[in-house]
Amino acid sequence: MSDIVAIIMVFGGFFTFLLAISPVGRAVADRIRGGGLGGSNELAHRLDDLIEEIETVRHEVMELGERVDFTERMLPRSNDPQELPKGGADKPEEGPWR
């Protein structure tokens, strides 16, 4: 009986050691120490970075909207009836609707 207990202790210790040095073991140890997912300072820093990036993207979208407005104003408008192409009145219209 003592041989079985000794074998279990050896293998159990070996697997416990492997778990302790694995990334899963380190994550569990950090969680027990109170670090959680990298600590509240790291999460706050990441949140600040994301907010700054969102503000940058918002500013770029606003600039693009201004450029589109400017481009639309600069494009020539051909709403003048004299500039429109003349239709062929001498040709009969074809199609399934006539």
N, C-alpha and C. Protein backbone atom coordinates (compact mmCIF):
# COMPACT_ATOMS: atom_id res chain seq x y z
N MET A 1 0.82 -1.19 0.00
CA MET A 1 0.00 0.00 0.00
C MET A 1 0.87 1.25 0.00
N SER A 2 1.95 1.23 0.74
CA SER A 2 2.82 2.40 0.80
C SER A 2 3.50 2.63 -0.55
N ASP A 3 3.71 1.54 -1.35
CA ASP A 3 4.30 1.71 -2.68
C ASP A 3 3.36 2.50 -3.59
N ILE A 4 2.07 2.24 -3.53
CA ILE A 4 1.09 2.93 -4.36
C ILE A 4 1.02 4.40 -3.97
N VAL A 5 1.02 4.68 -2.67
CA VAL A 5 0.98 6.06 -2.19
C VAL A 5 2.23 6.80 -2.65
N ALA A 6 3.37 6.14 -2.62
CA ALA A 6 4.62 6.77 -3.05
C ALA A 6 4.57 7.08 -4.55
N ILE A 7 4.05 6.16 -5.35
CA ILE A 7 3.95 6.37 -6.80
C ILE A 7 3.00 7.54 -7.09
N ILE A 8 1.86 7.58 -6.39
CA ILE A 8 0.89 8.66 -6.58
C ILE A 8 1.52 10.00 -6.20
N MET A 9 2.27 10.03 -5.13
CA MET A 9 2.92 11.27 -4.69
C MET A 9 3.96 11.74 -5.71
N VAL A 10 4.73 10.81 -6.28
CA VAL A 10 5.75 11.18 -7.25
C VAL A 10 5.09 11.74 -8.52
N PHE A 11 4.14 11.00 -9.06
CA PHE A 11 3.48 11.45 -10.28
C PHE A 11 2.64 12.71 -10.03
N GLY A 12 1.97 12.78 -8.89
CA GLY A 12 1.18 13.97 -8.55
C GLY A 12 2.06 15.21 -8.41
N GLY A 13 3.18 15.05 -7.79
CA GLY A 13 4.12 16.17 -7.66
C GLY A 13 4.67 16.61 -9.01
N PHE A 14 4.98 15.61 -9.86
CA PHE A 14 5.50 15.91 -11.19
C PHE A 14 4.48 16.70 -12.01
N PHE A 15 3.22 16.25 -12.02
CA PHE A 15 2.19 16.94 -12.79
C PHE A 15 1.83 18.30 -12.18
N THR A 16 1.92 18.42 -10.87
CA THR A 16 1.69 19.71 -10.22
C THR A 16 2.79 20.69 -10.61
N PHE A 17 4.02 20.22 -10.66
CA PHE A 17 5.14 21.06 -11.09
C PHE A 17 4.95 21.51 -12.54
N LEU A 18 4.54 20.59 -13.43
CA LEU A 18 4.32 20.95 -14.83
C LEU A 18 3.19 21.97 -14.97
N LEU A 19 2.15 21.81 -14.18
CA LEU A 19 1.05 22.76 -14.21
C LEU A 19 1.49 24.13 -13.72
N ALA A 20 2.36 24.15 -12.73
CA ALA A 20 2.81 25.41 -12.15
C ALA A 20 3.66 26.21 -13.13
N ILE A 21 4.43 25.56 -13.99
CA ILE A 21 5.28 26.30 -14.93
C ILE A 21 4.60 26.54 -16.27
N SER A 22 3.42 25.99 -16.47
CA SER A 22 2.70 26.19 -17.73
C SER A 22 2.00 27.55 -17.71
N PRO A 23 1.61 28.06 -18.88
CA PRO A 23 0.87 29.33 -18.91
C PRO A 23 -0.45 29.28 -18.14
N VAL A 24 -1.08 28.13 -18.14
CA VAL A 24 -2.33 27.98 -17.38
C VAL A 24 -2.06 28.13 -15.89
N GLY A 25 -1.00 27.50 -15.43
CA GLY A 25 -0.63 27.61 -14.02
C GLY A 25 -0.28 29.03 -13.63
N ARG A 26 0.43 29.73 -14.50
CA ARG A 26 0.78 31.13 -14.22
C ARG A 26 -0.48 32.00 -14.18
N ALA A 27 -1.43 31.75 -15.08
CA ALA A 27 -2.67 32.52 -15.07
C ALA A 27 -3.46 32.27 -13.79
N VAL A 28 -3.51 31.03 -13.36
CA VAL A 28 -4.21 30.70 -12.12
C VAL A 28 -3.52 31.39 -10.94
N ALA A 29 -2.19 31.38 -10.92
CA ALA A 29 -1.46 32.03 -9.83
C ALA A 29 -1.69 33.53 -9.83
N ASP A 30 -1.70 34.16 -11.02
CA ASP A 30 -1.98 35.60 -11.09
C ASP A 30 -3.38 35.90 -10.60
N ARG A 31 -4.32 35.05 -10.95
CA ARG A 31 -5.71 35.25 -10.53
C ARG A 31 -5.83 35.13 -9.01
N ILE A 32 -5.11 34.18 -8.43
CA ILE A 32 -5.14 34.01 -6.97
C ILE A 32 -4.51 35.21 -6.29
N ARG A 33 -3.41 35.73 -6.85
CA ARG A 33 -2.75 36.89 -6.27
C ARG A 33 -3.58 38.16 -6.40
N GLY A 34 -4.59 38.16 -7.25
CA GLY A 34 -5.44 39.33 -7.41
C GLY A 34 -5.16 40.11 -8.67
N GLY A 35 -4.30 39.60 -9.52
CA GLY A 35 -3.99 40.29 -10.76
C GLY A 35 -5.10 40.20 -11.77
N GLY A 36 -5.84 39.15 -11.76
CA GLY A 36 -6.94 38.97 -12.69
C GLY A 36 -6.46 38.93 -14.13
N LEU A 37 -7.03 39.78 -14.96
CA LEU A 37 -6.70 39.80 -16.37
C LEU A 37 -5.63 40.85 -16.66
N GLY A 38 -4.64 40.95 -15.84
CA GLY A 38 -3.57 41.90 -16.06
C GLY A 38 -3.62 43.08 -15.12
N GLY A 39 -4.54 43.10 -14.22
CA GLY A 39 -4.64 44.18 -13.25
C GLY A 39 -5.49 45.32 -13.74
N SER A 40 -6.00 46.09 -12.81
CA SER A 40 -6.88 47.19 -13.17
C SER A 40 -6.12 48.31 -13.85
N ASN A 41 -4.83 48.49 -13.51
CA ASN A 41 -4.05 49.55 -14.15
C ASN A 41 -3.88 49.27 -15.64
N GLU A 42 -3.62 48.03 -15.98
CA GLU A 42 -3.44 47.67 -17.39
C GLU A 42 -4.76 47.83 -18.15
N LEU A 43 -5.86 47.42 -17.54
CA LEU A 43 -7.17 47.57 -18.19
C LEU A 43 -7.52 49.04 -18.38
N ALA A 44 -7.23 49.86 -17.40
CA ALA A 44 -7.51 51.29 -17.52
C ALA A 44 -6.66 51.91 -18.62
N HIS A 45 -5.41 51.48 -18.71
CA HIS A 45 -4.51 51.98 -19.77
C HIS A 45 -5.02 51.56 -21.15
N ARG A 46 -5.44 50.31 -21.28
CA ARG A 46 -5.98 49.84 -22.55
C ARG A 46 -7.27 50.58 -22.92
N LEU A 47 -8.11 50.86 -21.92
CA LEU A 47 -9.34 51.61 -22.17
C LEU A 47 -9.03 53.02 -22.64
N ASP A 48 -8.05 53.67 -22.03
CA ASP A 48 -7.65 55.01 -22.47
C ASP A 48 -7.12 54.98 -23.90
N ASP A 49 -6.34 53.96 -24.25
CA ASP A 49 -5.82 53.83 -25.61
C ASP A 49 -6.96 53.66 -26.61
N LEU A 50 -7.95 52.84 -26.26
CA LEU A 50 -9.09 52.62 -27.16
C LEU A 50 -9.93 53.89 -27.33
N ILE A 51 -10.13 54.63 -26.27
CA ILE A 51 -10.88 55.88 -26.36
C ILE A 51 -10.15 56.87 -27.25
N GLU A 52 -8.84 56.95 -27.09
CA GLU A 52 -8.04 57.85 -27.93
C GLU A 52 -8.11 57.45 -29.40
N GLU A 53 -8.06 56.14 -29.66
CA GLU A 53 -8.15 55.66 -31.04
C GLU A 53 -9.53 55.95 -31.64
N ILE A 54 -10.58 55.81 -30.86
CA ILE A 54 -11.93 56.10 -31.34
C ILE A 54 -12.06 57.59 -31.67
N GLU A 55 -11.48 58.44 -30.84
CA GLU A 55 -11.52 59.88 -31.12
C GLU A 55 -10.77 60.21 -32.40
N THR A 56 -9.65 59.53 -32.64
CA THR A 56 -8.89 59.75 -33.87
C THR A 56 -9.70 59.33 -35.09
N VAL A 57 -10.34 58.17 -35.00
CA VAL A 57 -11.15 57.69 -36.12
C VAL A 57 -12.34 58.63 -36.35
N ARG A 58 -12.95 59.11 -35.29
CA ARG A 58 -14.08 60.03 -35.42
C ARG A 58 -13.64 61.32 -36.13
N HIS A 59 -12.46 61.81 -35.77
CA HIS A 59 -11.94 63.03 -36.41
C HIS A 59 -11.67 62.78 -37.90
N GLU A 60 -11.10 61.63 -38.24
CA GLU A 60 -10.81 61.30 -39.64
C GLU A 60 -12.11 61.17 -40.44
N VAL A 61 -13.14 60.57 -39.87
CA VAL A 61 -14.43 60.44 -40.56
C VAL A 61 -15.04 61.82 -40.80
N MET A 62 -14.91 62.70 -39.83
CA MET A 62 -15.43 64.05 -39.99
C MET A 62 -14.69 64.78 -41.13
N GLU A 63 -13.38 64.63 -41.20
CA GLU A 63 -12.61 65.23 -42.29
C GLU A 63 -13.02 64.66 -43.65
N LEU A 64 -13.25 63.36 -43.71
CA LEU A 64 -13.67 62.74 -44.96
C LEU A 64 -15.04 63.27 -45.39
N GLY A 65 -15.94 63.46 -44.44
CA GLY A 65 -17.25 64.03 -44.76
C GLY A 65 -17.12 65.43 -45.33
N GLU A 66 -16.23 66.23 -44.76
CA GLU A 66 -16.01 67.57 -45.30
C GLU A 66 -15.45 67.52 -46.71
N ARG A 67 -14.55 66.59 -46.96
CA ARG A 67 -13.98 66.45 -48.31
C ARG A 67 -15.03 66.03 -49.32
N VAL A 68 -15.93 65.13 -48.92
CA VAL A 68 -17.01 64.70 -49.81
C VAL A 68 -17.93 65.88 -50.11
N ASP A 69 -18.26 66.66 -49.09
CA ASP A 69 -19.10 67.85 -49.32
C ASP A 69 -18.44 68.82 -50.28
N PHE A 70 -17.15 69.06 -50.09
CA PHE A 70 -16.42 69.96 -50.98
C PHE A 70 -16.41 69.43 -52.41
N THR A 71 -16.18 68.12 -52.57
CA THR A 71 -16.14 67.52 -53.90
C THR A 71 -17.49 67.61 -54.57
N GLU A 72 -18.56 67.39 -53.83
CA GLU A 72 -19.90 67.49 -54.41
C GLU A 72 -20.19 68.92 -54.86
N ARG A 73 -19.72 69.91 -54.11
CA ARG A 73 -19.93 71.30 -54.53
C ARG A 73 -19.11 71.65 -55.76
N MET A 74 -17.95 71.05 -55.91
CA MET A 74 -17.06 71.39 -57.02
C MET A 74 -17.42 70.67 -58.32
N LEU A 75 -18.15 69.57 -58.24
CA LEU A 75 -18.51 68.86 -59.47
C LEU A 75 -19.48 69.71 -60.28
N PRO A 76 -19.28 69.75 -61.61
CA PRO A 76 -20.23 70.54 -62.42
C PRO A 76 -21.59 69.86 -62.45
N ARG A 77 -22.60 70.68 -62.36
CA ARG A 77 -23.97 70.17 -62.40
C ARG A 77 -24.52 70.44 -63.80
N SER A 78 -25.04 69.40 -64.42
CA SER A 78 -25.61 69.56 -65.76
C SER A 78 -27.13 69.46 -65.69
N ASN A 79 -27.74 70.36 -64.90
CA ASN A 79 -29.19 70.40 -64.79
C ASN A 79 -29.80 71.37 -65.81
N ASP A 80 -28.96 72.09 -66.53
CA ASP A 80 -29.44 73.04 -67.52
C ASP A 80 -30.02 72.27 -68.71
N PRO A 81 -31.28 72.50 -69.10
CA PRO A 81 -31.88 71.73 -70.19
C PRO A 81 -31.17 71.92 -71.52
N GLN A 82 -30.46 73.02 -71.72
CA GLN A 82 -29.74 73.22 -72.97
C GLN A 82 -28.53 72.31 -73.07
N GLU A 83 -27.99 71.85 -71.94
CA GLU A 83 -26.82 70.98 -71.95
C GLU A 83 -27.18 69.50 -72.05
N LEU A 84 -28.44 69.16 -71.84
CA LEU A 84 -28.84 67.76 -71.90
C LEU A 84 -28.85 67.27 -73.33
N PRO A 85 -28.50 66.01 -73.55
CA PRO A 85 -28.51 65.49 -74.93
C PRO A 85 -29.94 65.42 -75.45
N LYS A 86 -30.07 65.65 -76.75
CA LYS A 86 -31.39 65.62 -77.39
C LYS A 86 -31.77 64.18 -77.68
N GLY A 87 -33.02 63.86 -77.45
CA GLY A 87 -33.53 62.52 -77.73
C GLY A 87 -33.88 62.36 -79.21
N GLY A 88 -33.91 61.16 -79.70
CA GLY A 88 -34.26 60.89 -81.09
C GLY A 88 -35.77 60.77 -81.23
N ALA A 89 -36.45 61.85 -81.58
CA ALA A 89 -37.91 61.84 -81.71
C ALA A 89 -38.35 61.14 -82.98
N ASP A 90 -37.46 61.04 -83.99
CA ASP A 90 -37.85 60.41 -85.23
C ASP A 90 -37.81 58.89 -85.15
N LYS A 91 -37.14 58.33 -84.14
CA LYS A 91 -37.10 56.87 -83.98
C LYS A 91 -38.27 56.42 -83.12
N PRO A 92 -38.94 55.36 -83.51
CA PRO A 92 -39.99 54.83 -82.63
C PRO A 92 -39.35 54.16 -81.42
N GLU A 93 -39.97 54.32 -80.30
CA GLU A 93 -39.43 53.71 -79.09
C GLU A 93 -39.73 52.23 -79.11
N GLU A 94 -38.76 51.45 -78.71
CA GLU A 94 -38.90 49.99 -78.69
C GLU A 94 -38.83 49.51 -77.26
N GLY A 95 -39.38 48.38 -77.05
CA GLY A 95 -39.31 47.78 -75.73
C GLY A 95 -40.62 47.09 -75.38
N PRO A 96 -40.61 46.28 -74.35
CA PRO A 96 -41.82 45.55 -73.98
C PRO A 96 -42.88 46.44 -73.35
N TRP A 97 -42.54 47.65 -72.95
CA TRP A 97 -43.51 48.52 -72.30
C TRP A 97 -44.31 49.36 -73.28
N ARG A 98 -43.96 49.40 -74.54
CA ARG A 98 -44.69 50.16 -75.57
C ARG A 98 -45.28 49.26 -76.60
